[in-house]
Amino acid sequence: MPYSEDFKKVLLADPDAILGKKGLTDDFINHILKLLKRHKIIKIKALRSIATRANINKLAIEISKLTASHLLDIRGKSIILTKYSIEKFN
């Protein structure tokens, strides 16, 4: 399946993980790592209590650094990550 079809499927689907008020804990990062290992692309939704428009970019970059993944997109409070670089999908 091409990259764009995977991306569309994940974009329209329910989030794979929800970032809550506890923030970026070790358990959350481990959960994201397991999801990335199982799926190519995952979607994370940040709740209002943790994310604002100002800090959602910082959260997304920090999650991608901690999980050694690539940030594909930020839409509102939804973050889409992939384990592989975009070149690998093409």
Protein backbone atom coordinates (compact mmCIF):
# COMPACT_ATOMS: atom_id res chain seq x y z
CA MET A 1 0.00 0.00 0.00
CA PRO A 2 1.48 3.38 -0.96
CA TYR A 3 2.41 5.92 1.68
CA SER A 4 -0.40 8.32 0.80
CA GLU A 5 -3.07 5.63 1.28
CA ASP A 6 -1.62 4.67 4.68
CA PHE A 7 -1.56 8.33 5.68
CA LYS A 8 -5.18 8.91 4.64
CA LYS A 9 -6.32 5.79 6.45
CA VAL A 10 -4.66 6.86 9.70
CA LEU A 11 -5.80 10.47 9.33
CA LEU A 12 -9.46 9.46 9.10
CA ALA A 13 -9.28 6.74 11.78
CA ASP A 14 -9.66 7.06 15.54
CA PRO A 15 -6.46 7.88 17.44
CA ASP A 16 -4.17 5.00 18.40
CA ALA A 17 -3.10 6.75 21.62
CA ILE A 18 -4.38 9.64 23.72
CA LEU A 19 -2.00 11.99 25.51
CA GLY A 20 -3.67 12.95 28.78
CA LYS A 21 -3.02 15.18 31.74
CA LYS A 22 -0.15 13.03 33.06
CA GLY A 23 1.90 14.12 30.07
CA LEU A 24 4.88 12.36 28.54
CA THR A 25 5.50 9.58 31.04
CA ASP A 26 7.74 6.57 30.51
CA ASP A 27 4.65 4.36 30.19
CA PHE A 28 3.24 6.58 27.45
CA ILE A 29 6.53 6.57 25.51
CA ASN A 30 6.77 2.76 25.82
CA HIS A 31 3.20 2.45 24.57
CA ILE A 32 4.01 4.66 21.56
CA LEU A 33 7.10 2.55 20.81
CA LYS A 34 4.99 -0.63 20.82
CA LEU A 35 2.41 0.97 18.54
CA LEU A 36 5.07 2.16 16.12
CA LYS A 37 6.57 -1.31 16.03
CA ARG A 38 3.17 -2.85 15.24
CA HIS A 39 1.93 -0.20 12.76
CA LYS A 40 3.75 1.89 10.21
CA ILE A 41 1.92 5.12 11.00
CA ILE A 42 0.09 6.07 14.21
CA LYS A 43 -2.15 8.89 15.31
CA ILE A 44 -1.92 10.49 18.76
CA LYS A 45 -4.58 12.83 20.10
CA ALA A 46 -3.66 15.31 22.82
CA LEU A 47 -6.37 16.33 25.26
CA ARG A 48 -7.17 19.95 26.06
CA SER A 49 -5.70 19.61 29.55
CA ILE A 50 -2.17 18.98 28.19
CA ALA A 51 -2.03 20.65 24.78
CA THR A 52 -2.68 24.17 23.64
CA ARG A 53 -2.18 25.67 20.21
CA ALA A 54 1.08 27.15 21.43
CA ASN A 55 2.70 23.98 22.77
CA ILE A 56 1.36 21.20 20.53
CA ASN A 57 4.37 21.59 18.21
CA LYS A 58 6.80 21.25 21.12
CA LEU A 59 4.97 18.14 22.35
CA ALA A 60 5.02 16.55 18.90
CA ILE A 61 8.73 17.19 18.41
CA GLU A 62 9.53 15.86 21.88
CA ILE A 63 7.51 12.68 21.29
CA SER A 64 9.22 12.09 17.95
CA LYS A 65 12.67 12.57 19.52
CA LEU A 66 11.93 10.27 22.46
CA THR A 67 10.60 7.51 20.20
CA ALA A 68 13.11 8.00 17.35
CA SER A 69 10.25 8.44 14.91
CA HIS A 70 9.41 10.94 12.17
CA LEU A 71 6.73 13.58 12.54
CA LEU A 72 4.43 13.55 9.52
CA ASP A 73 1.67 15.98 10.41
CA ILE A 74 0.01 18.01 13.14
CA ARG A 75 -3.68 18.73 12.63
CA GLY A 76 -5.25 20.59 15.50
CA LYS A 77 -4.40 18.46 18.52
CA SER A 78 -3.72 15.31 16.52
CA ILE A 79 -0.16 14.19 15.85
CA ILE A 80 0.75 11.66 13.16
CA LEU A 81 4.05 9.80 13.51
CA THR A 82 5.82 7.12 11.51
CA LYS A 83 8.70 4.85 12.41
CA TYR A 84 10.20 5.02 8.92
CA SER A 85 11.42 8.00 6.97
CA ILE A 86 9.28 9.29 4.14
CA GLU A 87 11.85 8.16 1.56
CA LYS A 88 11.28 4.54 2.59
CA PHE A 89 7.56 4.80 1.71
CA ASN A 90 8.21 6.05 -1.83
